[in-house]
Amino acid sequence: MPRLDAVTLKQLRALAAIHVHGSVTAAAAALNVTPPAVSSQLRTLEANLEAELVRRGPEGPAALTEAGRQALAAIEHVEATLETCVQRVAAAAAGRTGQVTFGVVSTGKYFAPGLIRRLRDAHPELQVSLRIGNRGAIVAALERREVDLALMGRPPASPAVAADVLGPHPHVLIAPPDHPLADRAEATAEALSRETFLAREPGSGTRILMTRWLDRIGGGRPFRADEMGTNETIKQAVIAGLGIAFISAHTVTAELETGRLVALRAQGLPMMRDWQLIRRSDAALSPAAERFRALVLEMEGGFIPPWPPRRIGPFAP
């Protein structure tokens, strides 16, 4: 019974060399071994396959039998597969291929897909999975190592992370264009205290910034805040006149450009923060994730919407 588990690459390569070079002696020279070593590999292979593979004659080149031709086809297939494997391993080790999971806080979802599209067009071999959630969800994903890199504003205190600054992240106070404060040179803390603020859930990055800003300008004055679950809900509620909102300017670029919303003038606004690319500092990135990071940094924030936006509608800078 053939012993396939005993067949080795050396045996098959000896057969291939005999076929290519025409004799055991020439095959040995090509393989940089002795003729007896080639003969031994051939005999062992024939024993393992229980078939004559090379027809030996007193004159002329060695000729493969039909069984030998089948074995030759096998080694050619194996060599091609190994070559493909080597190329793929080298590409993965260099970060040219591989899977990257990219976590993005919800305020970044308005431009992060465009970033991924640019990377995909330029580097289709790099597979990027986009995961969007609020700040707490993305920080938790970093903690559980479910994302390789994350896009957010303020880095978390835990887990320990390293951060690359990508570009400015302005925050503004929005209102419908017919709001009484839209024509003010600056909305005072007293005037704002009479407004209803439409806000994200406690713990979100925007809610934290809003609370700090109101505490700073209000000196402890209370402000009314109605909680809403998403930026989209907040935008539509502001457009409908249900209140005003402190929000990432990058979530309302289109509405500011077309005049469906305006940015109110107020002390300390726009509040400028930074978008940052976050990675855990206690573990090295995979080659693919490191390449993704390098490609993003090469863009120098060119994928982030500019501030202020184009003045199409009645935008109050």
C-alpha atoms as a PDB file:
ATOM      1  CA  MET A   1       0.000   0.000   0.000  1.00  0.00           C
ATOM      2  CA  PRO A   2       1.455   3.408  -0.940  1.00  0.00           C
ATOM      3  CA  ARG A   3       2.857   5.401   1.982  1.00  0.00           C
ATOM      4  CA  LEU A   4       1.794   8.948   1.159  1.00  0.00           C
ATOM      5  CA  ASP A   5       2.799  10.182   4.624  1.00  0.00           C
ATOM      6  CA  ALA A   6       6.404   9.231   3.821  1.00  0.00           C
ATOM      7  CA  VAL A   7       6.567  11.204   0.552  1.00  0.00           C
ATOM      8  CA  THR A   8       8.764  14.306   0.956  1.00  0.00           C
ATOM      9  CA  LEU A   9       9.558  17.412  -1.057  1.00  0.00           C
ATOM     10  CA  LYS A  10      13.146  16.230  -1.446  1.00  0.00           C
ATOM     11  CA  GLN A  11      11.961  13.034  -3.118  1.00  0.00           C
ATOM     12  CA  LEU A  12       9.605  14.846  -5.468  1.00  0.00           C
ATOM     13  CA  ARG A  13      12.185  17.521  -6.293  1.00  0.00           C
ATOM     14  CA  ALA A  14      14.728  14.823  -7.134  1.00  0.00           C
ATOM     15  CA  LEU A  15      12.216  13.348  -9.615  1.00  0.00           C
ATOM     16  CA  ALA A  16      11.567  16.780 -11.136  1.00  0.00           C
ATOM     17  CA  ALA A  17      15.299  17.460 -11.492  1.00  0.00           C
ATOM     18  CA  ILE A  18      15.846  14.125 -13.264  1.00  0.00           C
ATOM     19  CA  HIS A  19      13.066  14.993 -15.698  1.00  0.00           C
ATOM     20  CA  VAL A  20      14.378  18.501 -16.382  1.00  0.00           C
ATOM     21  CA  HIS A  21      18.084  17.633 -16.654  1.00  0.00           C
ATOM     22  CA  GLY A  22      17.799  14.188 -18.219  1.00  0.00           C
ATOM     23  CA  SER A  23      19.925  12.082 -15.864  1.00  0.00           C
ATOM     24  CA  VAL A  24      20.668  11.396 -12.232  1.00  0.00           C
ATOM     25  CA  THR A  25      24.140  12.897 -12.596  1.00  0.00           C
ATOM     26  CA  ALA A  26      22.882  16.134 -14.129  1.00  0.00           C
ATOM     27  CA  ALA A  27      20.078  16.342 -11.578  1.00  0.00           C
ATOM     28  CA  ALA A  28      22.598  15.951  -8.746  1.00  0.00           C
ATOM     29  CA  ALA A  29      24.703  18.799 -10.131  1.00  0.00           C
ATOM     30  CA  ALA A  30      21.649  21.039 -10.382  1.00  0.00           C
ATOM     31  CA  LEU A  31      20.587  20.201  -6.831  1.00  0.00           C
ATOM     32  CA  ASN A  32      24.157  20.527  -5.515  1.00  0.00           C
ATOM     33  CA  VAL A  33      24.144  17.005  -4.067  1.00  0.00           C
ATOM     34  CA  THR A  34      25.807  13.737  -5.017  1.00  0.00           C
ATOM     35  CA  PRO A  35      24.359  11.347  -7.635  1.00  0.00           C
ATOM     36  CA  PRO A  36      23.897   8.595  -5.005  1.00  0.00           C
ATOM     37  CA  ALA A  37      21.784  11.041  -2.953  1.00  0.00           C
ATOM     38  CA  VAL A  38      19.496  11.650  -5.936  1.00  0.00           C
ATOM     39  CA  SER A  39      19.280   7.943  -6.675  1.00  0.00           C
ATOM     40  CA  SER A  40      18.393   7.265  -3.031  1.00  0.00           C
ATOM     41  CA  GLN A  41      15.615   9.887  -3.064  1.00  0.00           C
ATOM     42  CA  LEU A  42      14.200   8.391  -6.270  1.00  0.00           C
ATOM     43  CA  ARG A  43      14.279   4.813  -4.955  1.00  0.00           C
ATOM     44  CA  THR A  44      12.573   5.899  -1.716  1.00  0.00           C
ATOM     45  CA  LEU A  45       9.887   7.781  -3.642  1.00  0.00           C
ATOM     46  CA  GLU A  46       9.209   4.789  -5.884  1.00  0.00           C
ATOM     47  CA  ALA A  47       8.980   2.561  -2.809  1.00  0.00           C
ATOM     48  CA  ASN A  48       6.595   4.966  -1.091  1.00  0.00           C
ATOM     49  CA  LEU A  49       4.341   5.191  -4.167  1.00  0.00           C
ATOM     50  CA  GLU A  50       4.832   1.500  -5.089  1.00  0.00           C
ATOM     51  CA  ALA A  51       5.416   2.421  -8.735  1.00  0.00           C
ATOM     52  CA  GLU A  52       8.271   2.757 -11.198  1.00  0.00           C
ATOM     53  CA  LEU A  53       8.630   6.449 -11.953  1.00  0.00           C
ATOM     54  CA  VAL A  54      11.708   6.640 -14.208  1.00  0.00           C
ATOM     55  CA  ARG A  55      12.480   4.252 -17.049  1.00  0.00           C
ATOM     56  CA  ARG A  56      16.208   3.714 -16.943  1.00  0.00           C
ATOM     57  CA  GLY A  57      17.979   2.864 -20.154  1.00  0.00           C
ATOM     58  CA  PRO A  58      21.606   2.241 -21.071  1.00  0.00           C
ATOM     59  CA  GLU A  59      21.639   5.259 -23.374  1.00  0.00           C
ATOM     60  CA  GLY A  60      19.765   8.534 -23.745  1.00  0.00           C
ATOM     61  CA  PRO A  61      18.026  10.678 -21.154  1.00  0.00           C
ATOM     62  CA  ALA A  62      15.998   9.207 -18.361  1.00  0.00           C
ATOM     63  CA  ALA A  63      12.293   9.076 -19.269  1.00  0.00           C
ATOM     64  CA  LEU A  64       9.341   9.270 -16.916  1.00  0.00           C
ATOM     65  CA  THR A  65       6.784   6.536 -16.878  1.00  0.00           C
ATOM     66  CA  GLU A  66       3.079   7.406 -16.828  1.00  0.00           C
ATOM     67  CA  ALA A  67       3.202   7.084 -13.044  1.00  0.00           C
ATOM     68  CA  GLY A  68       6.244   9.364 -13.041  1.00  0.00           C
ATOM     69  CA  ARG A  69       4.388  11.985 -15.076  1.00  0.00           C
ATOM     70  CA  GLN A  70       1.567  11.944 -12.531  1.00  0.00           C
ATOM     71  CA  ALA A  71       4.055  12.393  -9.699  1.00  0.00           C
ATOM     72  CA  LEU A  72       5.713  15.231 -11.653  1.00  0.00           C
ATOM     73  CA  ALA A  73       2.345  16.999 -12.006  1.00  0.00           C
ATOM     74  CA  ALA A  74       1.932  16.736  -8.240  1.00  0.00           C
ATOM     75  CA  ILE A  75       5.287  18.381  -7.469  1.00  0.00           C
ATOM     76  CA  GLU A  76       4.610  21.144  -9.992  1.00  0.00           C
ATOM     77  CA  HIS A  77       1.310  21.828  -8.245  1.00  0.00           C
ATOM     78  CA  VAL A  78       2.970  21.752  -4.827  1.00  0.00           C
ATOM     79  CA  GLU A  79       5.726  24.152  -5.944  1.00  0.00           C
ATOM     80  CA  ALA A  80       3.185  26.584  -7.376  1.00  0.00           C
ATOM     81  CA  THR A  81       1.157  26.439  -4.172  1.00  0.00           C
ATOM     82  CA  LEU A  82       4.260  27.031  -2.063  1.00  0.00           C
ATOM     83  CA  GLU A  83       5.261  30.014  -4.205  1.00  0.00           C
ATOM     84  CA  THR A  84       1.811  31.538  -3.744  1.00  0.00           C
ATOM     85  CA  CYS A  85       2.067  30.876  -0.011  1.00  0.00           C
ATOM     86  CA  VAL A  86       5.451  32.600   0.191  1.00  0.00           C
ATOM     87  CA  GLN A  87       4.128  35.651  -1.637  1.00  0.00           C
ATOM     88  CA  ARG A  88       1.055  35.876   0.572  1.00  0.00           C
ATOM     89  CA  VAL A  89       3.044  35.450   3.779  1.00  0.00           C
ATOM     90  CA  ALA A  90       5.476  38.164   2.671  1.00  0.00           C
ATOM     91  CA  ALA A  91       2.573  40.489   1.821  1.00  0.00           C
ATOM     92  CA  ALA A  92       0.916  39.877   5.185  1.00  0.00           C
ATOM     93  CA  ALA A  93       4.194  40.380   7.061  1.00  0.00           C
ATOM     94  CA  ALA A  94       4.707  43.682   5.250  1.00  0.00           C
ATOM     95  CA  GLY A  95       1.145  44.780   5.987  1.00  0.00           C
ATOM     96  CA  ARG A  96       0.185  44.863   2.311  1.00  0.00           C
ATOM     97  CA  THR A  97      -2.658  42.440   2.997  1.00  0.00           C
ATOM     98  CA  GLY A  98      -4.661  41.521   6.049  1.00  0.00           C
ATOM     99  CA  GLN A  99      -7.733  42.450   8.068  1.00  0.00           C
ATOM    100  CA  VAL A 100      -8.050  45.629  10.140  1.00  0.00           C
ATOM    101  CA  THR A 101     -10.982  46.477  12.411  1.00  0.00           C
ATOM    102  CA  PHE A 102     -11.418  50.244  12.702  1.00  0.00           C
ATOM    103  CA  GLY A 103     -13.580  51.648  15.485  1.00  0.00           C
ATOM    104  CA  VAL A 104     -15.122  55.082  14.967  1.00  0.00           C
ATOM    105  CA  VAL A 105     -17.170  57.141  17.416  1.00  0.00           C
ATOM    106  CA  SER A 106     -20.542  58.085  15.997  1.00  0.00           C
ATOM    107  CA  THR A 107     -19.597  61.719  15.357  1.00  0.00           C
ATOM    108  CA  GLY A 108     -16.966  60.467  12.911  1.00  0.00           C
ATOM    109  CA  LYS A 109     -19.359  58.401  10.825  1.00  0.00           C
ATOM    110  CA  TYR A 110     -19.971  61.361   8.519  1.00  0.00           C
ATOM    111  CA  PHE A 111     -16.474  61.189   7.036  1.00  0.00           C
ATOM    112  CA  ALA A 112     -14.967  57.839   8.137  1.00  0.00           C
ATOM    113  CA  PRO A 113     -16.639  55.869   5.285  1.00  0.00           C
ATOM    114  CA  GLY A 114     -15.032  58.268   2.806  1.00  0.00           C
ATOM    115  CA  LEU A 115     -11.655  57.606   4.415  1.00  0.00           C
ATOM    116  CA  ILE A 116     -12.179  53.851   4.069  1.00  0.00           C
ATOM    117  CA  ARG A 117     -13.216  54.283   0.433  1.00  0.00           C
ATOM    118  CA  ARG A 118     -10.036  56.204  -0.377  1.00  0.00           C
ATOM    119  CA  LEU A 119      -7.899  53.526   1.259  1.00  0.00           C
ATOM    120  CA  ARG A 120      -9.791  50.730  -0.482  1.00  0.00           C
ATOM    121  CA  ASP A 121      -9.390  52.350  -3.889  1.00  0.00           C
ATOM    122  CA  ALA A 122      -5.649  52.839  -3.398  1.00  0.00           C
ATOM    123  CA  HIS A 123      -4.981  49.584  -1.525  1.00  0.00           C
ATOM    124  CA  PRO A 124      -7.701  47.034  -2.401  1.00  0.00           C
ATOM    125  CA  GLU A 125      -5.703  44.199  -0.874  1.00  0.00           C
ATOM    126  CA  LEU A 126      -6.102  45.707   2.630  1.00  0.00           C
ATOM    127  CA  GLN A 127      -9.420  44.635   4.158  1.00  0.00           C
ATOM    128  CA  VAL A 128     -10.895  47.152   6.612  1.00  0.00           C
ATOM    129  CA  SER A 129     -13.928  46.455   8.782  1.00  0.00           C
ATOM    130  CA  LEU A 130     -15.633  49.624  10.050  1.00  0.00           C
ATOM    131  CA  ARG A 131     -17.264  49.562  13.488  1.00  0.00           C
ATOM    132  CA  ILE A 132     -19.233  52.621  14.613  1.00  0.00           C
ATOM    133  CA  GLY A 133     -20.582  53.271  18.109  1.00  0.00           C
ATOM    134  CA  ASN A 134     -20.735  55.855  20.850  1.00  0.00           C
ATOM    135  CA  ARG A 135     -17.603  56.674  22.814  1.00  0.00           C
ATOM    136  CA  GLY A 136     -18.332  54.137  25.542  1.00  0.00           C
ATOM    137  CA  ALA A 137     -18.843  51.329  23.036  1.00  0.00           C
ATOM    138  CA  ILE A 138     -15.631  52.082  21.144  1.00  0.00           C
ATOM    139  CA  VAL A 139     -13.579  52.368  24.347  1.00  0.00           C
ATOM    140  CA  ALA A 140     -15.046  49.033  25.485  1.00  0.00           C
ATOM    141  CA  ALA A 141     -14.104  47.496  22.128  1.00  0.00           C
ATOM    142  CA  LEU A 142     -10.530  48.728  22.613  1.00  0.00           C
ATOM    143  CA  GLU A 143     -10.548  47.243  26.095  1.00  0.00           C
ATOM    144  CA  ARG A 144     -11.679  43.878  24.729  1.00  0.00           C
ATOM    145  CA  ARG A 145      -9.227  44.109  21.793  1.00  0.00           C
ATOM    146  CA  GLU A 146     -12.114  43.933  19.322  1.00  0.00           C
ATOM    147  CA  VAL A 147     -10.781  46.865  17.299  1.00  0.00           C
ATOM    148  CA  ASP A 148      -7.216  47.474  16.170  1.00  0.00           C
ATOM    149  CA  LEU A 149      -7.457  51.252  15.898  1.00  0.00           C
ATOM    150  CA  ALA A 150     -10.072  53.812  16.875  1.00  0.00           C
ATOM    151  CA  LEU A 151     -11.021  57.300  15.763  1.00  0.00           C
ATOM    152  CA  MET A 152     -12.201  59.559  18.562  1.00  0.00           C
ATOM    153  CA  GLY A 153     -11.503  62.840  20.308  1.00  0.00           C
ATOM    154  CA  ARG A 154     -10.242  62.627  23.876  1.00  0.00           C
ATOM    155  CA  PRO A 155      -8.206  59.430  24.494  1.00  0.00           C
ATOM    156  CA  PRO A 156      -9.618  57.195  27.242  1.00  0.00           C
ATOM    157  CA  ALA A 157      -7.936  56.867  30.619  1.00  0.00           C
ATOM    158  CA  SER A 158      -8.227  53.081  30.307  1.00  0.00           C
ATOM    159  CA  PRO A 159      -7.009  51.021  28.590  1.00  0.00           C
ATOM    160  CA  ALA A 160      -3.569  52.574  28.170  1.00  0.00           C
ATOM    161  CA  VAL A 161      -3.374  53.981  24.660  1.00  0.00           C
ATOM    162  CA  ALA A 162      -1.132  55.898  22.293  1.00  0.00           C
ATOM    163  CA  ALA A 163      -2.616  58.569  20.047  1.00  0.00           C
ATOM    164  CA  ASP A 164      -1.819  60.325  16.772  1.00  0.00           C
ATOM    165  CA  VAL A 165      -3.453  63.709  16.182  1.00  0.00           C
ATOM    166  CA  LEU A 166      -5.216  63.734  12.811  1.00  0.00           C
ATOM    167  CA  GLY A 167      -6.763  67.177  12.607  1.00  0.00           C
ATOM    168  CA  PRO A 168      -9.117  69.733  14.177  1.00  0.00           C
ATOM    169  CA  HIS A 169     -12.503  68.760  15.530  1.00  0.00           C
ATOM    170  CA  PRO A 170     -14.695  71.849  16.050  1.00  0.00           C
ATOM    171  CA  HIS A 171     -17.830  71.833  18.181  1.00  0.00           C
ATOM    172  CA  VAL A 172     -20.589  74.388  17.655  1.00  0.00           C
ATOM    173  CA  LEU A 173     -23.952  75.432  18.998  1.00  0.00           C
ATOM    174  CA  ILE A 174     -26.672  74.906  16.392  1.00  0.00           C
ATOM    175  CA  ALA A 175     -30.148  76.318  15.998  1.00  0.00           C
ATOM    176  CA  PRO A 176     -32.734  76.680  13.228  1.00  0.00           C
ATOM    177  CA  PRO A 177     -32.090  79.720  11.005  1.00  0.00           C
ATOM    178  CA  ASP A 178     -35.139  81.614  12.371  1.00  0.00           C
ATOM    179  CA  HIS A 179     -34.058  81.226  16.003  1.00  0.00           C
ATOM    180  CA  PRO A 180     -34.031  84.541  17.944  1.00  0.00           C
ATOM    181  CA  LEU A 181     -30.383  84.029  18.949  1.00  0.00           C
ATOM    182  CA  ALA A 182     -29.257  83.607  15.335  1.00  0.00           C
ATOM    183  CA  ASP A 183     -29.035  87.387  14.896  1.00  0.00           C
ATOM    184  CA  ARG A 184     -27.213  88.064  18.166  1.00  0.00           C
ATOM    185  CA  ALA A 185     -23.600  89.176  18.120  1.00  0.00           C
ATOM    186  CA  GLU A 186     -23.110  86.663  20.944  1.00  0.00           C
ATOM    187  CA  ALA A 187     -25.560  84.589  22.923  1.00  0.00           C
ATOM    188  CA  THR A 188     -25.041  85.242  26.627  1.00  0.00           C
ATOM    189  CA  ALA A 189     -25.090  82.620  29.353  1.00  0.00           C
ATOM    190  CA  GLU A 190     -28.304  84.161  30.676  1.00  0.00           C
ATOM    191  CA  ALA A 191     -29.993  83.879  27.268  1.00  0.00           C
ATOM    192  CA  LEU A 192     -28.788  80.301  26.838  1.00  0.00           C
ATOM    193  CA  SER A 193     -30.100  79.353  30.280  1.00  0.00           C
ATOM    194  CA  ARG A 194     -33.610  79.928  28.927  1.00  0.00           C
ATOM    195  CA  GLU A 195     -33.064  77.460  26.086  1.00  0.00           C
ATOM    196  CA  THR A 196     -33.532  73.705  25.955  1.00  0.00           C
ATOM    197  CA  PHE A 197     -30.358  71.870  25.015  1.00  0.00           C
ATOM    198  CA  LEU A 198     -30.809  68.670  23.053  1.00  0.00           C
ATOM    199  CA  ALA A 199     -27.978  66.392  24.104  1.00  0.00           C
ATOM    200  CA  ARG A 200     -26.492  62.931  23.690  1.00  0.00           C
ATOM    201  CA  GLU A 201     -26.471  60.421  26.507  1.00  0.00           C
ATOM    202  CA  PRO A 202     -24.223  60.976  29.567  1.00  0.00           C
ATOM    203  CA  GLY A 203     -20.746  59.610  28.912  1.00  0.00           C
ATOM    204  CA  SER A 204     -20.672  60.514  25.234  1.00  0.00           C
ATOM    205  CA  GLY A 205     -17.720  62.661  24.194  1.00  0.00           C
ATOM    206  CA  THR A 206     -19.963  65.489  22.973  1.00  0.00           C
ATOM    207  CA  ARG A 207     -22.045  65.470  26.174  1.00  0.00           C
ATOM    208  CA  ILE A 208     -18.870  65.703  28.274  1.00  0.00           C
ATOM    209  CA  LEU A 209     -17.631  68.691  26.266  1.00  0.00           C
ATOM    210  CA  MET A 210     -21.032  70.378  26.408  1.00  0.00           C
ATOM    211  CA  THR A 211     -21.207  70.031  30.181  1.00  0.00           C
ATOM    212  CA  ARG A 212     -17.713  71.475  30.618  1.00  0.00           C
ATOM    213  CA  TRP A 213     -18.470  74.383  28.306  1.00  0.00           C
ATOM    214  CA  LEU A 214     -21.749  75.250  30.029  1.00  0.00           C
ATOM    215  CA  ASP A 215     -20.106  75.033  33.453  1.00  0.00           C
ATOM    216  CA  ARG A 216     -17.387  77.385  32.268  1.00  0.00           C
ATOM    217  CA  ILE A 217     -19.637  80.067  30.749  1.00  0.00           C
ATOM    218  CA  GLY A 218     -22.483  79.679  33.215  1.00  0.00           C
ATOM    219  CA  GLY A 219     -20.555  79.717  36.458  1.00  0.00           C
ATOM    220  CA  GLY A 220     -22.757  76.991  37.930  1.00  0.00           C
ATOM    221  CA  ARG A 221     -26.006  78.256  36.380  1.00  0.00           C
ATOM    222  CA  PRO A 222     -28.359  75.331  35.598  1.00  0.00           C
ATOM    223  CA  PHE A 223     -29.196  74.534  31.972  1.00  0.00           C
ATOM    224  CA  ARG A 224     -32.016  72.335  30.798  1.00  0.00           C
ATOM    225  CA  ALA A 225     -30.965  69.333  28.706  1.00  0.00           C
ATOM    226  CA  ASP A 226     -33.247  66.822  27.010  1.00  0.00           C
ATOM    227  CA  GLU A 227     -31.480  63.582  26.106  1.00  0.00           C
ATOM    228  CA  MET A 228     -31.683  62.126  22.605  1.00  0.00           C
ATOM    229  CA  GLY A 229     -30.041  58.959  21.383  1.00  0.00           C
ATOM    230  CA  THR A 230     -28.379  59.940  18.110  1.00  0.00           C
ATOM    231  CA  ASN A 231     -26.895  62.919  16.331  1.00  0.00           C
ATOM    232  CA  GLU A 232     -29.429  62.469  13.533  1.00  0.00           C
ATOM    233  CA  THR A 233     -32.316  62.734  15.994  1.00  0.00           C
ATOM    234  CA  ILE A 234     -30.758  65.815  17.549  1.00  0.00           C
ATOM    235  CA  LYS A 235     -30.327  67.497  14.154  1.00  0.00           C
ATOM    236  CA  GLN A 236     -33.895  66.856  13.112  1.00  0.00           C
ATOM    237  CA  ALA A 237     -35.202  68.009  16.490  1.00  0.00           C
ATOM    238  CA  VAL A 238     -33.249  71.272  16.240  1.00  0.00           C
ATOM    239  CA  ILE A 239     -34.521  71.828  12.688  1.00  0.00           C
ATOM    240  CA  ALA A 240     -38.044  71.272  14.022  1.00  0.00           C
ATOM    241  CA  GLY A 241     -37.512  73.948  16.688  1.00  0.00           C
ATOM    242  CA  LEU A 242     -37.483  71.696  19.758  1.00  0.00           C
ATOM    243  CA  GLY A 243     -34.290  73.213  21.121  1.00  0.00           C
ATOM    244  CA  ILE A 244     -30.651  74.019  20.398  1.00  0.00           C
ATOM    245  CA  ALA A 245     -27.679  71.663  20.536  1.00  0.00           C
ATOM    246  CA  PHE A 246     -23.965  71.646  21.246  1.00  0.00           C
ATOM    247  CA  ILE A 247     -22.632  69.257  18.632  1.00  0.00           C
ATOM    248  CA  SER A 248     -19.643  68.243  16.531  1.00  0.00           C
ATOM    249  CA  ALA A 249     -19.496  70.553  13.521  1.00  0.00           C
ATOM    250  CA  HIS A 250     -18.644  67.538  11.383  1.00  0.00           C
ATOM    251  CA  THR A 251     -22.081  66.050  12.021  1.00  0.00           C
ATOM    252  CA  VAL A 252     -23.872  69.118  10.626  1.00  0.00           C
ATOM    253  CA  THR A 253     -21.635  70.239   7.751  1.00  0.00           C
ATOM    254  CA  ALA A 254     -24.309  69.658   5.103  1.00  0.00           C
ATOM    255  CA  GLU A 255     -27.040  71.384   7.113  1.00  0.00           C
ATOM    256  CA  LEU A 256     -24.837  74.417   7.784  1.00  0.00           C
ATOM    257  CA  GLU A 257     -23.863  74.653   4.122  1.00  0.00           C
ATOM    258  CA  THR A 258     -27.463  74.579   2.917  1.00  0.00           C
ATOM    259  CA  GLY A 259     -28.811  76.838   5.649  1.00  0.00           C
ATOM    260  CA  ARG A 260     -31.112  74.327   7.332  1.00  0.00           C
ATOM    261  CA  LEU A 261     -29.158  75.049  10.509  1.00  0.00           C
ATOM    262  CA  VAL A 262     -26.987  77.927  11.730  1.00  0.00           C
ATOM    263  CA  ALA A 263     -24.111  78.002  14.210  1.00  0.00           C
ATOM    264  CA  LEU A 264     -24.790  80.462  17.018  1.00  0.00           C
ATOM    265  CA  ARG A 265     -22.157  82.878  18.258  1.00  0.00           C
ATOM    266  CA  ALA A 266     -21.283  82.296  21.903  1.00  0.00           C
ATOM    267  CA  GLN A 267     -18.339  82.595  24.242  1.00  0.00           C
ATOM    268  CA  GLY A 268     -15.615  80.027  23.544  1.00  0.00           C
ATOM    269  CA  LEU A 269     -17.180  78.738  20.324  1.00  0.00           C
ATOM    270  CA  PRO A 270     -16.383  77.012  18.170  1.00  0.00           C
ATOM    271  CA  MET A 271     -14.692  74.808  20.741  1.00  0.00           C
ATOM    272  CA  MET A 272     -11.711  73.246  19.015  1.00  0.00           C
ATOM    273  CA  ARG A 273     -10.569  69.772  19.868  1.00  0.00           C
ATOM    274  CA  ASP A 274      -8.634  67.193  17.848  1.00  0.00           C
ATOM    275  CA  TRP A 275      -9.553  64.013  16.076  1.00  0.00           C
ATOM    276  CA  GLN A 276      -7.123  61.330  17.209  1.00  0.00           C
ATOM    277  CA  LEU A 277      -6.182  57.880  15.962  1.00  0.00           C
ATOM    278  CA  ILE A 278      -6.043  55.653  19.032  1.00  0.00           C
ATOM    279  CA  ARG A 279      -4.243  52.358  19.527  1.00  0.00           C
ATOM    280  CA  ARG A 280      -3.440  50.312  22.588  1.00  0.00           C
ATOM    281  CA  SER A 281       0.040  50.999  23.926  1.00  0.00           C
ATOM    282  CA  ASP A 282       0.500  47.621  25.595  1.00  0.00           C
ATOM    283  CA  ALA A 283       0.607  45.569  22.391  1.00  0.00           C
ATOM    284  CA  ALA A 284       2.087  45.977  18.922  1.00  0.00           C
ATOM    285  CA  LEU A 285      -0.236  46.438  15.993  1.00  0.00           C
ATOM    286  CA  SER A 286      -0.470  43.710  13.378  1.00  0.00           C
ATOM    287  CA  PRO A 287       1.437  44.493  10.161  1.00  0.00           C
ATOM    288  CA  ALA A 288      -1.861  45.248   8.410  1.00  0.00           C
ATOM    289  CA  ALA A 289      -3.011  47.597  11.186  1.00  0.00           C
ATOM    290  CA  GLU A 290       0.357  49.334  11.261  1.00  0.00           C
ATOM    291  CA  ARG A 291       0.170  49.882   7.513  1.00  0.00           C
ATOM    292  CA  PHE A 292      -3.386  51.212   7.873  1.00  0.00           C
ATOM    293  CA  ARG A 293      -2.167  53.648  10.520  1.00  0.00           C
ATOM    294  CA  ALA A 294       0.708  54.798   8.318  1.00  0.00           C
ATOM    295  CA  LEU A 295      -1.609  55.335   5.345  1.00  0.00           C
ATOM    296  CA  VAL A 296      -4.053  57.371   7.439  1.00  0.00           C
ATOM    297  CA  LEU A 297      -1.244  59.537   8.825  1.00  0.00           C
ATOM    298  CA  GLU A 298       0.072  60.131   5.309  1.00  0.00           C
ATOM    299  CA  MET A 299      -3.234  61.835   4.472  1.00  0.00           C
ATOM    300  CA  GLU A 300      -2.473  64.529   7.070  1.00  0.00           C
ATOM    301  CA  GLY A 301      -6.143  64.945   7.938  1.00  0.00           C
ATOM    302  CA  GLY A 302      -7.188  65.595   4.335  1.00  0.00           C
ATOM    303  CA  PHE A 303     -10.272  63.417   4.815  1.00  0.00           C
ATOM    304  CA  ILE A 304     -11.619  65.600   7.664  1.00  0.00           C
ATOM    305  CA  PRO A 305     -14.227  68.180   6.557  1.00  0.00           C
ATOM    306  CA  PRO A 306     -12.821  71.718   6.665  1.00  0.00           C
ATOM    307  CA  TRP A 307     -14.026  74.383   9.078  1.00  0.00           C
ATOM    308  CA  PRO A 308     -15.828  76.635   8.479  1.00  0.00           C
ATOM    309  CA  PRO A 309     -17.901  74.996   5.747  1.00  0.00           C
ATOM    310  CA  ARG A 310     -18.700  76.683   2.450  1.00  0.00           C
ATOM    311  CA  ARG A 311     -21.112  79.554   3.016  1.00  0.00           C
ATOM    312  CA  ILE A 312     -24.218  78.576   1.083  1.00  0.00           C
ATOM    313  CA  GLY A 313     -26.957  79.160   3.619  1.00  0.00           C
ATOM    314  CA  PRO A 314     -27.327  81.781   6.329  1.00  0.00           C
ATOM    315  CA  PHE A 315     -24.396  80.471   8.348  1.00  0.00           C
ATOM    316  CA  ALA A 316     -23.396  82.477  11.381  1.00  0.00           C
ATOM    317  CA  PRO A 317     -19.670  81.791  11.958  1.00  0.00           C
END
